Amino acid sequence: MIALLDGLRAFAGGALWRFGVRTVLRGPSPLLTALERLLIPWTALLALAPSTRWFPSVAIHAAWVAFDILLYALLRGIRASRNNATRQLRLMHITAGLVSTDALLTFWQAMVWNAPRVSTWWQAAPVAIACAGPLLTAPALWGAVRRLTRLEARP
């Protein structure tokens, strides 16, 4: 086991956690596929969440569900357009921008609407997960934009 870890560290060029972070920040295709697939159960849970408890209004609840469906469609479109680098890069820019906006709006809603209504850590956990998702996903998507831009610029 020690020899395996030493070999992995040598391959990684240092600490394994740093290698993992660098890899995720490149936005590799398997990660984008995983994000696409994770949006399905997340969106279902979001749709089933009680509006009055977690959202300022039914309309905002519906908007978040529709937004996640749009993100799913965009991620699916990115994967489907692997043979068209220009279209894939355009979709990736749109998706990264939307997820970055999602991170800001989710945090704002969590602070303004959810925080005053949360009294236990069980209630805070879904809010924290909702905030962490786009916050952790946006850098990976922007990394994929950088990676695709470099690939497209190659002769």
C-alpha atoms as a PDB file:
ATOM      1  CA  MET A   1       0.000   0.000   0.000  1.00  0.00           C
ATOM      2  CA  ILE A   2       2.842   2.401   0.848  1.00  0.00           C
ATOM      3  CA  ALA A   3       4.522   1.653  -2.482  1.00  0.00           C
ATOM      4  CA  LEU A   4       1.258   2.350  -4.312  1.00  0.00           C
ATOM      5  CA  LEU A   5       0.839   5.693  -2.537  1.00  0.00           C
ATOM      6  CA  ASP A   6       4.463   6.618  -3.265  1.00  0.00           C
ATOM      7  CA  GLY A   7       3.928   5.802  -6.938  1.00  0.00           C
ATOM      8  CA  LEU A   8       0.740   7.878  -7.067  1.00  0.00           C
ATOM      9  CA  ARG A   9       2.483  10.815  -5.363  1.00  0.00           C
ATOM     10  CA  ALA A  10       5.346  10.609  -7.852  1.00  0.00           C
ATOM     11  CA  PHE A  11       2.884  10.580 -10.745  1.00  0.00           C
ATOM     12  CA  ALA A  12       0.917  13.468  -9.206  1.00  0.00           C
ATOM     13  CA  GLY A  13       4.039  15.550  -8.677  1.00  0.00           C
ATOM     14  CA  GLY A  14       3.276  16.148  -5.010  1.00  0.00           C
ATOM     15  CA  ALA A  15       0.349  15.790  -2.675  1.00  0.00           C
ATOM     16  CA  LEU A  16      -2.545  13.729  -3.989  1.00  0.00           C
ATOM     17  CA  TRP A  17      -5.151  16.234  -2.824  1.00  0.00           C
ATOM     18  CA  ARG A  18      -3.432  18.990  -4.860  1.00  0.00           C
ATOM     19  CA  PHE A  19      -3.433  16.750  -7.903  1.00  0.00           C
ATOM     20  CA  GLY A  20      -7.147  16.100  -7.353  1.00  0.00           C
ATOM     21  CA  VAL A  21      -7.924  19.814  -7.074  1.00  0.00           C
ATOM     22  CA  ARG A  22      -5.883  20.614 -10.213  1.00  0.00           C
ATOM     23  CA  THR A  23      -7.682  17.860 -12.107  1.00  0.00           C
ATOM     24  CA  VAL A  24     -11.139  19.044 -11.042  1.00  0.00           C
ATOM     25  CA  LEU A  25     -10.287  22.654 -11.916  1.00  0.00           C
ATOM     26  CA  ARG A  26      -9.486  21.561 -15.479  1.00  0.00           C
ATOM     27  CA  GLY A  27     -13.136  20.543 -15.861  1.00  0.00           C
ATOM     28  CA  PRO A  28     -12.585  17.088 -17.359  1.00  0.00           C
ATOM     29  CA  SER A  29     -15.378  15.545 -19.447  1.00  0.00           C
ATOM     30  CA  PRO A  30     -16.167  12.757 -16.915  1.00  0.00           C
ATOM     31  CA  LEU A  31     -16.738  15.415 -14.262  1.00  0.00           C
ATOM     32  CA  LEU A  32     -19.135  17.296 -16.541  1.00  0.00           C
ATOM     33  CA  THR A  33     -21.016  14.053 -17.208  1.00  0.00           C
ATOM     34  CA  ALA A  34     -21.199  13.387 -13.457  1.00  0.00           C
ATOM     35  CA  LEU A  35     -22.548  16.912 -12.855  1.00  0.00           C
ATOM     36  CA  GLU A  36     -25.154  16.373 -15.563  1.00  0.00           C
ATOM     37  CA  ARG A  37     -26.291  13.117 -13.976  1.00  0.00           C
ATOM     38  CA  LEU A  38     -26.290  14.516 -10.435  1.00  0.00           C
ATOM     39  CA  LEU A  39     -28.629  17.286 -11.553  1.00  0.00           C
ATOM     40  CA  ILE A  40     -31.395  14.710 -12.115  1.00  0.00           C
ATOM     41  CA  PRO A  41     -31.875  13.635  -8.466  1.00  0.00           C
ATOM     42  CA  TRP A  42     -31.057  17.147  -7.218  1.00  0.00           C
ATOM     43  CA  THR A  43     -33.758  18.678  -9.425  1.00  0.00           C
ATOM     44  CA  ALA A  44     -36.248  16.010  -8.354  1.00  0.00           C
ATOM     45  CA  LEU A  45     -35.524  16.729  -4.667  1.00  0.00           C
ATOM     46  CA  LEU A  46     -35.753  20.449  -5.331  1.00  0.00           C
ATOM     47  CA  ALA A  47     -39.118  20.014  -7.068  1.00  0.00           C
ATOM     48  CA  LEU A  48     -40.456  17.948  -4.154  1.00  0.00           C
ATOM     49  CA  ALA A  49     -39.269  20.397  -1.468  1.00  0.00           C
ATOM     50  CA  PRO A  50     -42.097  22.301   0.234  1.00  0.00           C
ATOM     51  CA  SER A  51     -42.250  25.812  -1.221  1.00  0.00           C
ATOM     52  CA  THR A  52     -43.382  27.604   1.924  1.00  0.00           C
ATOM     53  CA  ARG A  53     -40.510  26.287   4.029  1.00  0.00           C
ATOM     54  CA  TRP A  54     -37.540  26.690   1.687  1.00  0.00           C
ATOM     55  CA  PHE A  55     -38.514  29.391  -0.839  1.00  0.00           C
ATOM     56  CA  PRO A  56     -39.898  32.923  -0.607  1.00  0.00           C
ATOM     57  CA  SER A  57     -42.715  32.022  -3.032  1.00  0.00           C
ATOM     58  CA  VAL A  58     -44.050  29.246  -5.220  1.00  0.00           C
ATOM     59  CA  ALA A  59     -42.899  31.207  -8.289  1.00  0.00           C
ATOM     60  CA  ILE A  60     -39.302  31.337  -7.023  1.00  0.00           C
ATOM     61  CA  HIS A  61     -39.436  27.625  -6.247  1.00  0.00           C
ATOM     62  CA  ALA A  62     -40.645  26.916  -9.791  1.00  0.00           C
ATOM     63  CA  ALA A  63     -37.965  29.219 -11.212  1.00  0.00           C
ATOM     64  CA  TRP A  64     -35.195  27.295  -9.400  1.00  0.00           C
ATOM     65  CA  VAL A  65     -36.551  23.988 -10.723  1.00  0.00           C
ATOM     66  CA  ALA A  66     -36.774  25.406 -14.267  1.00  0.00           C
ATOM     67  CA  PHE A  67     -33.259  26.814 -13.921  1.00  0.00           C
ATOM     68  CA  ASP A  68     -31.866  23.401 -12.961  1.00  0.00           C
ATOM     69  CA  ILE A  69     -33.680  21.789 -15.889  1.00  0.00           C
ATOM     70  CA  LEU A  70     -32.049  24.397 -18.149  1.00  0.00           C
ATOM     71  CA  LEU A  71     -28.619  23.590 -16.661  1.00  0.00           C
ATOM     72  CA  TYR A  72     -29.223  19.905 -17.303  1.00  0.00           C
ATOM     73  CA  ALA A  73     -30.126  20.646 -20.928  1.00  0.00           C
ATOM     74  CA  LEU A  74     -27.001  22.787 -21.351  1.00  0.00           C
ATOM     75  CA  LEU A  75     -24.708  20.126 -19.866  1.00  0.00           C
ATOM     76  CA  ARG A  76     -26.357  17.538 -22.093  1.00  0.00           C
ATOM     77  CA  GLY A  77     -25.849  19.846 -25.067  1.00  0.00           C
ATOM     78  CA  ILE A  78     -22.166  20.245 -24.201  1.00  0.00           C
ATOM     79  CA  ARG A  79     -21.735  16.484 -24.197  1.00  0.00           C
ATOM     80  CA  ALA A  80     -23.734  16.076 -27.402  1.00  0.00           C
ATOM     81  CA  SER A  81     -21.644  18.669 -29.259  1.00  0.00           C
ATOM     82  CA  ARG A  82     -18.246  17.038 -28.752  1.00  0.00           C
ATOM     83  CA  ASN A  83     -17.688  17.060 -32.531  1.00  0.00           C
ATOM     84  CA  ASN A  84     -18.395  20.792 -32.794  1.00  0.00           C
ATOM     85  CA  ALA A  85     -15.799  22.619 -30.689  1.00  0.00           C
ATOM     86  CA  THR A  86     -17.208  26.095 -31.347  1.00  0.00           C
ATOM     87  CA  ARG A  87     -20.729  25.139 -30.250  1.00  0.00           C
ATOM     88  CA  GLN A  88     -19.377  23.217 -27.269  1.00  0.00           C
ATOM     89  CA  LEU A  89     -17.306  26.217 -26.128  1.00  0.00           C
ATOM     90  CA  ARG A  90     -20.275  28.591 -26.537  1.00  0.00           C
ATOM     91  CA  LEU A  91     -22.499  26.291 -24.454  1.00  0.00           C
ATOM     92  CA  MET A  92     -19.732  25.929 -21.866  1.00  0.00           C
ATOM     93  CA  HIS A  93     -19.429  29.726 -21.516  1.00  0.00           C
ATOM     94  CA  ILE A  94     -23.191  30.067 -21.051  1.00  0.00           C
ATOM     95  CA  THR A  95     -23.306  27.225 -18.521  1.00  0.00           C
ATOM     96  CA  ALA A  96     -20.329  28.506 -16.509  1.00  0.00           C
ATOM     97  CA  GLY A  97     -21.839  31.996 -16.410  1.00  0.00           C
ATOM     98  CA  LEU A  98     -25.223  30.680 -15.304  1.00  0.00           C
ATOM     99  CA  VAL A  99     -23.722  28.483 -12.583  1.00  0.00           C
ATOM    100  CA  SER A 100     -21.661  31.437 -11.324  1.00  0.00           C
ATOM    101  CA  THR A 101     -24.857  33.504 -11.174  1.00  0.00           C
ATOM    102  CA  ASP A 102     -26.548  30.546  -9.470  1.00  0.00           C
ATOM    103  CA  ALA A 103     -23.847  30.566  -6.782  1.00  0.00           C
ATOM    104  CA  LEU A 104     -24.476  34.256  -6.035  1.00  0.00           C
ATOM    105  CA  LEU A 105     -28.278  34.029  -6.081  1.00  0.00           C
ATOM    106  CA  THR A 106     -28.353  30.861  -3.981  1.00  0.00           C
ATOM    107  CA  PHE A 107     -26.103  32.453  -1.362  1.00  0.00           C
ATOM    108  CA  TRP A 108     -28.227  35.604  -1.366  1.00  0.00           C
ATOM    109  CA  GLN A 109     -31.450  33.619  -0.903  1.00  0.00           C
ATOM    110  CA  ALA A 110     -29.823  31.520   1.826  1.00  0.00           C
ATOM    111  CA  MET A 111     -28.774  34.623   3.760  1.00  0.00           C
ATOM    112  CA  VAL A 112     -31.923  36.683   3.248  1.00  0.00           C
ATOM    113  CA  TRP A 113     -34.655  34.033   3.311  1.00  0.00           C
ATOM    114  CA  ASN A 114     -33.350  30.749   4.766  1.00  0.00           C
ATOM    115  CA  ALA A 115     -30.913  31.859   7.511  1.00  0.00           C
ATOM    116  CA  PRO A 116     -33.557  33.653   9.614  1.00  0.00           C
ATOM    117  CA  ARG A 117     -35.781  30.533   9.449  1.00  0.00           C
ATOM    118  CA  VAL A 118     -33.149  27.899  10.236  1.00  0.00           C
ATOM    119  CA  SER A 119     -32.921  26.822  13.861  1.00  0.00           C
ATOM    120  CA  THR A 120     -31.156  23.415  13.748  1.00  0.00           C
ATOM    121  CA  TRP A 121     -28.212  22.000  11.855  1.00  0.00           C
ATOM    122  CA  TRP A 122     -30.629  19.549  10.156  1.00  0.00           C
ATOM    123  CA  GLN A 123     -32.391  22.526   8.637  1.00  0.00           C
ATOM    124  CA  ALA A 124     -29.112  24.246   7.774  1.00  0.00           C
ATOM    125  CA  ALA A 125     -27.628  21.204   5.985  1.00  0.00           C
ATOM    126  CA  PRO A 126     -29.796  21.379   2.816  1.00  0.00           C
ATOM    127  CA  VAL A 127     -29.187  25.131   2.606  1.00  0.00           C
ATOM    128  CA  ALA A 128     -25.430  24.604   2.925  1.00  0.00           C
ATOM    129  CA  ILE A 129     -25.506  21.876   0.258  1.00  0.00           C
ATOM    130  CA  ALA A 130     -27.534  24.128  -2.045  1.00  0.00           C
ATOM    131  CA  CYS A 131     -24.938  26.888  -1.598  1.00  0.00           C
ATOM    132  CA  ALA A 132     -21.932  24.561  -1.956  1.00  0.00           C
ATOM    133  CA  GLY A 133     -23.096  22.928  -5.193  1.00  0.00           C
ATOM    134  CA  PRO A 134     -22.807  25.887  -7.563  1.00  0.00           C
ATOM    135  CA  LEU A 135     -19.925  27.401  -5.592  1.00  0.00           C
ATOM    136  CA  LEU A 136     -17.828  24.265  -6.137  1.00  0.00           C
ATOM    137  CA  THR A 137     -19.094  23.616  -9.664  1.00  0.00           C
ATOM    138  CA  ALA A 138     -18.436  27.058 -11.172  1.00  0.00           C
ATOM    139  CA  PRO A 139     -14.604  26.852 -10.956  1.00  0.00           C
ATOM    140  CA  ALA A 140     -14.653  23.429 -12.633  1.00  0.00           C
ATOM    141  CA  LEU A 141     -16.842  24.763 -15.445  1.00  0.00           C
ATOM    142  CA  TRP A 142     -14.591  27.804 -15.957  1.00  0.00           C
ATOM    143  CA  GLY A 143     -11.635  25.405 -15.996  1.00  0.00           C
ATOM    144  CA  ALA A 144     -13.365  23.472 -18.766  1.00  0.00           C
ATOM    145  CA  VAL A 145     -13.849  26.749 -20.657  1.00  0.00           C
ATOM    146  CA  ARG A 146     -10.106  27.443 -20.374  1.00  0.00           C
ATOM    147  CA  ARG A 147      -9.263  23.895 -21.453  1.00  0.00           C
ATOM    148  CA  LEU A 148     -11.606  24.009 -24.455  1.00  0.00           C
ATOM    149  CA  THR A 149     -10.353  27.472 -25.443  1.00  0.00           C
ATOM    150  CA  ARG A 150      -6.767  26.199 -25.476  1.00  0.00           C
ATOM    151  CA  LEU A 151      -7.775  23.119 -27.463  1.00  0.00           C
ATOM    152  CA  GLU A 152      -9.618  25.223 -30.028  1.00  0.00           C
ATOM    153  CA  ALA A 153      -6.663  27.633 -30.385  1.00  0.00           C
ATOM    154  CA  ARG A 154      -4.300  24.805 -31.326  1.00  0.00           C
ATOM    155  CA  PRO A 155      -3.464  24.548 -35.019  1.00  0.00           C
END
